[in-house]
C-alpha cells in the first residue's frame, strides 16, 4: 500500500497492535566496596521490626455505619509490628556500586503484531503497517532519533536510574564503555535531571552509539554502565533497590505476613540465619525500573511549562509522581493511541515525532478493541 503525507489518517487502530521493547537491558545488582578493596553483593535481609502506628484509622460501627468513628487511643495498639526485607551494606562499606548493560535494537523491527479480528477491518492493519514502514524509514536517519538517543544518554550520565540512592549520595561517578570506547562522568549530580540541552561530548558520543543501534547501521554493541556512589558515610547503611508488590492479605491483622518484599537475585553464598536475621538474596533493580528511568524524557506533553518536569514515555502520559495521565481526556489527541493513527503526517524531527519514536522504543500494546471501534468502520483510505 502506498503511503504519503496526504493519505487520510486511520479512524481506528487495528485491534491487535503490539511493539517489542527497543532495548535489551539487564537487571542492576547492588554491590559495595569495602575497606579491603573487595566488591561485595549487597544482601537483602529478612527480619522483624517494631515501629509506631501513625495512620488515622477508622473503625466501623456495630450498627453498620462503616467508617464513621475514629478509633480511640485506648483501642489502638501503639506498636506497629512488621516482618520486612531491607537491603543493607556491611559494616566495612566504603562506597556503593551499581551497574547494568543496555543494547539498542533496530527500530525497523519494533512491530511485533498488527492485525484485525474482523474481516471487514483487515485494511486497517495493512494501512497501519504501511504507515509504520513509512515513518520508521523517515525516522531512522532523522535528527529526532538522534535527539531521543541523546536523552537516553543524559539519563545514563545523570544517574537518574539510581533512584533514591541518588538522593542520599554525596558524590557519584558514572563509568560507561562500549567495545573499546570508554567514558567517565566524574560528577553525575551536576548533570541535569530536568532539561535536555547543552549536551556534553560524552553524552553525544554515548547517544551516537545508541542511535547506531536504533538505526540498525552497526553491529549490536552493548553499553556497560556502572555508578560508584560516595554515600558520605562509611559502615552499614540501608540502600534502595526495586520493591515487590505485596497485596495486603492480613498484614494489618498482625498475622506476620511480609509487609515489604524487595527484588533480589540469587547469591552464591547459601542462605543463612544469623541472630534472627536471614539473608535471602542480593539486592537489585529490575530491568523495567532501569528502563523507566532512562526513558524519562517526555517534556513534550501539554502542561510541561507548568510542571517543568520530564515524565517517562507512556502512551497516555502516565505519571506516578503526579498521579495523572497527562496525555488523556482533554489532551487525548496527544496520546500515542491518537498520534499513531496519523504517523504518515508526523515529522520525526518534531516534538510529536520524537515522542512517537520514543513510544516505539518503549514498546507495548496499542490496539483498539473491536467493541470500542464505533460505527464508522475501519476508515482506511
Protein backbone atom coordinates (compact mmCIF):
# COMPACT_ATOMS: atom_id res chain seq x y z
CA UNK A 1 0.00 0.00 0.00
CA UNK A 2 1.38 3.40 -0.98
CA UNK A 3 1.50 5.95 1.86
CA UNK A 4 2.35 9.64 1.85
CA UNK A 5 1.56 12.73 3.89
CA UNK A 6 -1.73 13.22 2.01
CA UNK A 7 -3.08 9.78 2.98
CA UNK A 8 -6.01 10.17 5.37
CA UNK A 9 -5.41 9.03 8.97
CA UNK A 10 -6.87 5.85 10.39
CA UNK A 11 -10.15 6.23 12.23
CA UNK A 12 -9.22 3.29 14.48
CA UNK A 13 -6.04 1.42 15.23
CA UNK A 14 -6.01 -2.31 14.45
CA UNK A 15 -7.48 -4.44 17.23
CA UNK A 16 -4.10 -6.17 17.60
CA UNK A 17 -1.14 -3.77 17.61
CA UNK A 18 1.93 -4.52 19.70
CA UNK A 19 5.57 -3.43 19.69
CA UNK A 20 8.55 -5.09 21.34
CA UNK A 21 10.78 -3.07 23.62
CA UNK A 22 13.52 -1.31 21.67
CA UNK A 23 16.35 -2.19 24.05
CA UNK A 24 17.81 -5.26 25.69
CA UNK A 25 18.61 -4.30 29.26
CA UNK A 26 19.88 -6.25 32.24
CA UNK A 27 18.98 -6.13 35.90
CA UNK A 28 21.28 -3.94 38.01
CA UNK A 29 22.73 -5.74 41.07
CA UNK A 30 23.78 -3.64 44.06
CA UNK A 31 27.31 -4.13 45.43
CA UNK A 32 29.57 -2.26 47.81
CA UNK A 33 33.30 -1.68 48.03
CA UNK A 34 34.80 -2.44 51.42
CA UNK A 35 37.88 -1.40 53.36
CA UNK A 36 39.90 -4.32 51.94
CA UNK A 37 39.24 -3.27 48.35
CA UNK A 38 36.76 -6.10 47.68
CA UNK A 39 33.43 -5.65 45.90
CA UNK A 40 30.69 -7.47 47.82
CA UNK A 41 27.00 -8.13 46.97
CA UNK A 42 24.52 -6.04 48.98
CA UNK A 43 22.40 -8.60 50.85
CA UNK A 44 18.65 -8.45 51.31
CA UNK A 45 17.84 -9.42 54.87
CA UNK A 46 14.52 -10.77 56.14
CA UNK A 47 13.72 -9.52 59.63
CA UNK A 48 11.14 -8.17 62.01
CA UNK A 49 10.82 -4.60 63.17
CA UNK A 50 8.75 -2.66 65.67
CA UNK A 51 7.67 0.86 64.81
CA UNK A 52 4.74 3.02 65.86
CA UNK A 53 1.27 3.43 64.41
CA UNK A 54 0.87 6.71 62.52
CA UNK A 55 -2.28 6.09 60.48
CA UNK A 56 -5.57 7.89 61.16
CA UNK A 57 -7.58 4.69 61.19
CA UNK A 58 -11.35 4.33 61.10
CA UNK A 59 -13.45 1.72 62.81
CA UNK A 60 -16.80 0.52 61.54
CA UNK A 61 -19.79 0.93 63.88
CA UNK A 62 -21.50 -2.23 65.02
CA UNK A 63 -24.73 -0.73 63.67
CA UNK A 64 -23.35 -0.84 60.13
CA UNK A 65 -22.37 2.84 59.64
CA UNK A 66 -18.95 1.88 58.35
CA UNK A 67 -16.02 4.22 58.64
CA UNK A 68 -17.67 6.96 60.71
CA UNK A 69 -15.99 6.53 64.10
CA UNK A 70 -12.31 7.25 64.70
CA UNK A 71 -10.65 4.52 66.73
CA UNK A 72 -10.00 5.78 70.24
CA UNK A 73 -6.46 5.89 71.62
CA UNK A 74 -7.43 3.28 74.19
CA UNK A 75 -8.40 0.83 71.46
CA UNK A 76 -5.32 1.30 69.32
CA UNK A 77 -2.04 -0.60 69.61
CA UNK A 78 0.77 1.97 69.62
CA UNK A 79 3.14 -0.63 68.22
CA UNK A 80 3.48 -1.35 64.51
CA UNK A 81 4.92 -4.86 64.29
CA UNK A 82 6.13 -5.84 60.82
CA UNK A 83 8.09 -8.51 59.01
CA UNK A 84 10.06 -6.77 56.25
CA UNK A 85 13.04 -7.06 53.94
CA UNK A 86 15.84 -4.48 53.86
CA UNK A 87 18.95 -4.00 51.74
CA UNK A 88 21.97 -3.12 53.89
CA UNK A 89 25.67 -2.83 53.24
CA UNK A 90 28.20 -4.42 55.59
CA UNK A 91 29.94 -2.55 58.43
CA UNK A 92 33.10 -2.24 56.28
CA UNK A 93 31.33 -0.42 53.40
CA UNK A 94 33.26 2.39 51.69
CA UNK A 95 31.10 3.00 48.59
CA UNK A 96 28.00 1.68 46.81
CA UNK A 97 28.35 0.29 43.27
CA UNK A 98 25.53 -0.43 40.80
CA UNK A 99 25.83 -1.45 37.14
CA UNK A 100 23.86 -2.76 34.16
CA UNK A 101 24.17 -3.27 30.41
CA UNK A 102 21.93 -1.96 27.63
CA UNK A 103 21.82 -2.69 23.90
CA UNK A 104 19.73 -0.74 21.36
CA UNK A 105 17.72 -2.76 18.83
CA UNK A 106 16.84 -1.63 15.27
CA UNK A 107 13.71 0.49 15.17
CA UNK A 108 12.70 -1.29 11.99
CA UNK A 109 11.98 -4.45 13.97
CA UNK A 110 9.77 -2.77 16.58
CA UNK A 111 6.46 -4.13 15.28
CA UNK A 112 5.51 -7.39 16.97
CA UNK A 113 1.89 -7.85 15.85
CA UNK A 114 -0.57 -5.92 13.67
CA UNK A 115 -3.92 -7.48 12.73
CA UNK A 116 -7.69 -7.17 12.93
CA UNK A 117 -10.00 -9.84 14.24
CA UNK A 118 -12.85 -8.89 11.88
CA UNK A 119 -12.51 -9.39 8.15
CA UNK A 120 -14.24 -6.10 7.31
CA UNK A 121 -11.46 -4.21 9.14
CA UNK A 122 -8.46 -6.02 7.64
CA UNK A 123 -7.49 -2.94 5.63
CA UNK A 124 -6.76 -1.07 8.87
CA UNK A 125 -3.91 -3.45 9.66
CA UNK A 126 -2.49 -3.21 6.14
CA UNK A 127 -2.58 0.56 6.27
CA UNK A 128 -1.03 0.65 9.78
CA UNK A 129 1.88 -1.48 8.60
CA UNK A 130 2.46 0.80 5.64
CA UNK A 131 2.31 3.91 7.85
CA UNK A 132 4.81 2.40 10.28
CA UNK A 133 7.20 1.44 7.49
CA UNK A 134 6.99 4.97 6.09
CA UNK A 135 7.52 6.65 9.49
CA UNK A 136 10.41 4.40 10.52
CA UNK A 137 12.12 4.90 7.16
CA UNK A 138 11.95 8.68 7.67
CA UNK A 139 12.90 8.43 11.36
CA UNK A 140 15.97 6.18 11.04
CA UNK A 141 18.36 8.93 9.96
CA UNK A 142 16.44 11.84 11.47
CA UNK A 143 17.64 14.38 13.98
CA UNK A 144 14.63 13.31 16.06
CA UNK A 145 16.03 9.82 16.59
CA UNK A 146 19.45 11.29 17.40
CA UNK A 147 17.83 13.58 19.99
CA UNK A 148 15.90 10.74 21.65
CA UNK A 149 19.18 8.77 21.85
CA UNK A 150 20.96 11.74 23.43
CA UNK A 151 18.18 12.00 26.01
CA UNK A 152 18.65 8.37 26.98
CA UNK A 153 22.40 9.07 27.20
CA UNK A 154 21.74 12.02 29.52
CA UNK A 155 19.72 9.80 31.84
CA UNK A 156 22.60 7.32 31.86
CA UNK A 157 25.07 10.06 32.78
CA UNK A 158 23.00 11.86 35.40
CA UNK A 159 22.30 8.66 37.34
CA UNK A 160 18.51 9.06 37.25
CA UNK A 161 18.36 5.25 37.18
CA UNK A 162 19.83 5.10 40.69
CA UNK A 163 16.52 6.38 42.05
CA UNK A 164 16.56 7.04 45.80
CA UNK A 165 20.24 6.15 46.08
CA UNK A 166 20.99 9.25 44.00
CA UNK A 167 19.24 11.43 46.58
CA UNK A 168 21.31 10.18 49.51
CA UNK A 169 24.68 10.22 47.71
CA UNK A 170 27.29 12.91 48.34
CA UNK A 171 29.02 12.17 45.04
CA UNK A 172 28.51 9.85 42.06
CA UNK A 173 30.95 8.77 39.36
CA UNK A 174 29.45 7.06 36.29
CA UNK A 175 31.65 4.87 34.08
CA UNK A 176 30.42 3.81 30.62
CA UNK A 177 32.06 1.63 27.98
CA UNK A 178 31.10 0.21 24.58
CA UNK A 179 33.57 -2.04 22.80
CA UNK A 180 36.94 -0.28 23.02
CA UNK A 181 35.38 3.10 23.86
CA UNK A 182 35.30 4.33 27.45
CA UNK A 183 33.82 7.41 29.11
CA UNK A 184 33.69 8.73 32.67
CA UNK A 185 31.28 11.24 34.19
CA UNK A 186 33.12 12.40 37.34
CA UNK A 187 30.13 14.12 38.97
CA UNK A 188 26.75 12.80 37.85
CA UNK A 189 24.99 15.03 40.40
CA UNK A 190 25.92 18.03 38.24
CA UNK A 191 24.16 16.62 35.13
CA UNK A 192 20.63 17.97 34.81
CA UNK A 193 17.56 15.89 35.62
CA UNK A 194 15.11 18.47 34.27
CA UNK A 195 16.25 19.66 30.84
CA UNK A 196 17.73 18.18 27.69
CA UNK A 197 20.06 20.72 26.15
CA UNK A 198 23.75 21.68 26.19
CA UNK A 199 24.87 18.06 25.85
CA UNK A 200 28.44 17.21 26.79
CA UNK A 201 30.75 15.45 24.34
CA UNK A 202 30.37 12.29 26.45
CA UNK A 203 26.57 12.39 26.16
CA UNK A 204 26.79 12.96 22.41
CA UNK A 205 29.17 10.01 21.98
CA UNK A 206 27.04 7.65 24.06
CA UNK A 207 23.94 8.89 22.24
CA UNK A 208 25.53 8.09 18.88
CA UNK A 209 26.26 4.51 19.97
CA UNK A 210 22.60 4.11 20.91
CA UNK A 211 21.40 5.82 17.71
CA UNK A 212 23.51 3.48 15.58
CA UNK A 213 21.79 0.53 17.23
CA UNK A 214 18.32 2.00 16.73
CA UNK A 215 19.11 2.71 13.07
CA UNK A 216 20.39 -0.82 12.58
CA UNK A 217 23.54 0.57 10.91
CA UNK A 218 26.12 -1.01 13.20
CA UNK A 219 26.78 -4.26 14.98
CA UNK A 220 24.80 -4.54 18.17
CA UNK A 221 27.20 -3.09 20.74
CA UNK A 222 26.14 -3.05 24.38
CA UNK A 223 26.79 -0.15 26.71
CA UNK A 224 28.22 -1.21 30.05
CA UNK A 225 27.25 1.27 32.76
CA UNK A 226 28.50 1.43 36.34
CA UNK A 227 27.97 4.03 39.05
CA UNK A 228 30.19 4.40 42.13
CA UNK A 229 28.39 6.29 44.89
CA UNK A 230 30.03 8.06 47.80
CA UNK A 231 27.25 7.99 50.40
CA UNK A 232 29.05 10.41 52.67
CA UNK A 233 29.27 7.80 55.44
CA UNK A 234 31.10 4.51 55.95
CA UNK A 235 29.68 1.44 57.62
CA UNK A 236 26.41 -0.46 57.48
CA UNK A 237 23.68 1.65 55.86
CA UNK A 238 20.33 0.96 54.19
CA UNK A 239 20.30 1.34 50.40
CA UNK A 240 17.44 1.03 47.97
CA UNK A 241 16.58 -1.46 45.23
CA UNK A 242 13.36 -2.45 43.45
CA UNK A 243 10.45 -3.34 45.68
CA UNK A 244 7.90 -6.08 45.01
CA UNK A 245 4.17 -5.54 45.18
CA UNK A 246 2.69 -7.36 48.16
CA UNK A 247 -1.12 -7.46 48.45
CA UNK A 248 -2.48 -6.83 51.94
CA UNK A 249 -3.61 -10.33 52.89
CA UNK A 250 -3.78 -9.95 56.62
CA UNK A 251 -0.75 -7.82 57.34
CA UNK A 252 -2.85 -5.28 59.22
CA UNK A 253 -4.23 -8.07 61.42
CA UNK A 254 -0.77 -8.83 62.78
CA UNK A 255 -0.57 -12.36 61.40
CA UNK A 256 3.06 -11.95 60.43
CA UNK A 257 2.78 -11.68 56.65
CA UNK A 258 5.67 -9.94 54.85
CA UNK A 259 4.82 -6.25 54.54
CA UNK A 260 7.80 -5.20 52.40
CA UNK A 261 9.41 -7.52 49.90
CA UNK A 262 12.44 -6.46 47.86
CA UNK A 263 13.57 -7.63 44.43
CA UNK A 264 16.65 -9.81 44.76
CA UNK A 265 18.96 -12.10 42.81
CA UNK A 266 20.29 -15.45 43.94
CA UNK A 267 23.59 -15.22 45.78
CA UNK A 268 26.45 -17.68 45.50
CA UNK A 269 26.58 -17.98 49.27
CA UNK A 270 23.92 -20.13 50.87
CA UNK A 271 21.05 -18.57 52.77
CA UNK A 272 21.80 -18.32 56.43
CA UNK A 273 20.24 -17.37 59.70
CA UNK A 274 22.26 -15.12 61.94
CA UNK A 275 20.89 -13.67 65.18
CA UNK A 276 17.35 -13.94 63.83
CA UNK A 277 18.27 -12.22 60.55
CA UNK A 278 18.10 -14.24 57.34
CA UNK A 279 19.91 -13.32 54.11
CA UNK A 280 17.55 -14.08 51.22
CA UNK A 281 19.42 -12.77 48.15
CA UNK A 282 21.30 -9.90 46.54
CA UNK A 283 19.58 -6.53 46.19
CA UNK A 284 18.98 -5.40 42.60
CA UNK A 285 17.00 -3.10 40.35
CA UNK A 286 14.69 -4.76 37.84
CA UNK A 287 15.43 -4.07 34.18
CA UNK A 288 11.98 -2.44 33.89
CA UNK A 289 12.81 0.09 36.62
CA UNK A 290 16.10 0.99 34.96
CA UNK A 291 14.35 1.42 31.59
CA UNK A 292 11.63 3.56 33.19
CA UNK A 293 14.32 5.99 34.37
CA UNK A 294 16.20 6.02 31.06
CA UNK A 295 13.04 6.84 29.08
CA UNK A 296 12.06 9.66 31.44
CA UNK A 297 12.43 12.29 28.72
CA UNK A 298 8.91 13.41 27.82
CA UNK A 299 8.83 17.17 28.18
CA UNK A 300 6.67 17.46 25.04
CA UNK A 301 3.38 16.78 26.86
CA UNK A 302 0.73 19.51 27.32
CA UNK A 303 1.30 21.43 30.55
CA UNK A 304 5.04 20.83 30.80
CA UNK A 305 5.62 24.57 31.15
CA UNK A 306 3.66 24.41 34.43
CA UNK A 307 5.34 21.33 35.91
CA UNK A 308 8.86 21.83 34.50
CA UNK A 309 9.44 18.10 34.95
CA UNK A 310 10.01 15.35 32.38
CA UNK A 311 7.91 12.19 32.69
CA UNK A 312 8.51 8.66 31.37
CA UNK A 313 7.43 7.90 27.82
CA UNK A 314 3.95 6.38 28.26
CA UNK A 315 1.05 6.02 25.76
CA UNK A 316 -1.23 8.26 27.82
CA UNK A 317 1.44 10.24 29.68
CA UNK A 318 1.00 8.34 32.94
CA UNK A 319 2.99 9.93 35.77
CA UNK A 320 3.19 8.17 39.13
CA UNK A 321 4.87 11.18 40.75
CA UNK A 322 1.92 13.41 39.79
CA UNK A 323 -0.70 10.61 39.79
CA UNK A 324 -2.09 11.87 36.48
CA UNK A 325 -2.49 10.88 32.85
CA UNK A 326 -1.04 13.92 31.08
CA UNK A 327 -1.92 12.76 27.56
CA UNK A 328 -5.51 11.62 28.24
CA UNK A 329 -9.05 13.09 28.41
CA UNK A 330 -8.83 16.70 27.24
CA UNK A 331 -5.29 16.02 26.00
CA UNK A 332 -6.23 12.73 24.35
CA UNK A 333 -5.17 13.91 20.89
CA UNK A 334 -1.56 13.94 22.18
CA UNK A 335 -1.62 10.27 23.26
CA UNK A 336 0.32 7.63 21.34
CA UNK A 337 -3.01 5.96 20.51
CA UNK A 338 -4.15 9.02 18.58
CA UNK A 339 -0.79 10.04 17.10
CA UNK A 340 -0.18 6.56 15.66
CA UNK A 341 -3.34 6.94 13.57
CA UNK A 342 -1.63 9.69 11.56
CA UNK A 343 2.02 8.66 11.62
CA UNK A 344 2.30 9.42 7.90
CA UNK A 345 1.66 13.11 8.66
CA UNK A 346 4.14 13.41 11.54
CA UNK A 347 7.64 14.85 11.11
CA UNK A 348 10.17 12.71 13.06
CA UNK A 349 12.07 15.88 13.97
CA UNK A 350 9.02 17.50 15.61
CA UNK A 351 8.01 17.13 19.27
CA UNK A 352 5.23 14.76 18.20
CA UNK A 353 7.68 12.80 16.05
CA UNK A 354 10.26 12.38 18.81
CA UNK A 355 7.53 11.25 21.22
CA UNK A 356 6.37 8.67 18.65
CA UNK A 357 9.94 7.43 18.10
CA UNK A 358 10.41 7.04 21.86
CA UNK A 359 7.00 5.33 22.15
CA UNK A 360 8.07 2.74 19.56
CA UNK A 361 11.24 2.16 21.60
CA UNK A 362 9.18 1.78 24.79
CA UNK A 363 7.06 -0.95 23.26
CA UNK A 364 3.66 -2.10 24.44
CA UNK A 365 0.14 -2.88 23.26
CA UNK A 366 -1.71 -0.10 21.42
CA UNK A 367 -4.65 -1.72 19.63
CA UNK A 368 -8.29 -0.56 19.67
CA UNK A 369 -10.60 -3.34 20.80
CA UNK A 370 -13.39 -4.20 18.36
CA UNK A 371 -16.12 -3.16 20.82
CA UNK A 372 -14.59 0.34 21.06
CA UNK A 373 -14.22 0.92 17.34
CA UNK A 374 -17.52 2.74 16.82
CA UNK A 375 -19.87 2.63 13.82
CA UNK A 376 -17.70 4.35 11.28
CA UNK A 377 -15.76 1.22 10.30
CA UNK A 378 -12.05 0.98 9.69
CA UNK A 379 -11.73 4.22 7.78
CA UNK A 380 -8.89 3.11 5.56
CA UNK A 381 -8.45 5.30 2.53
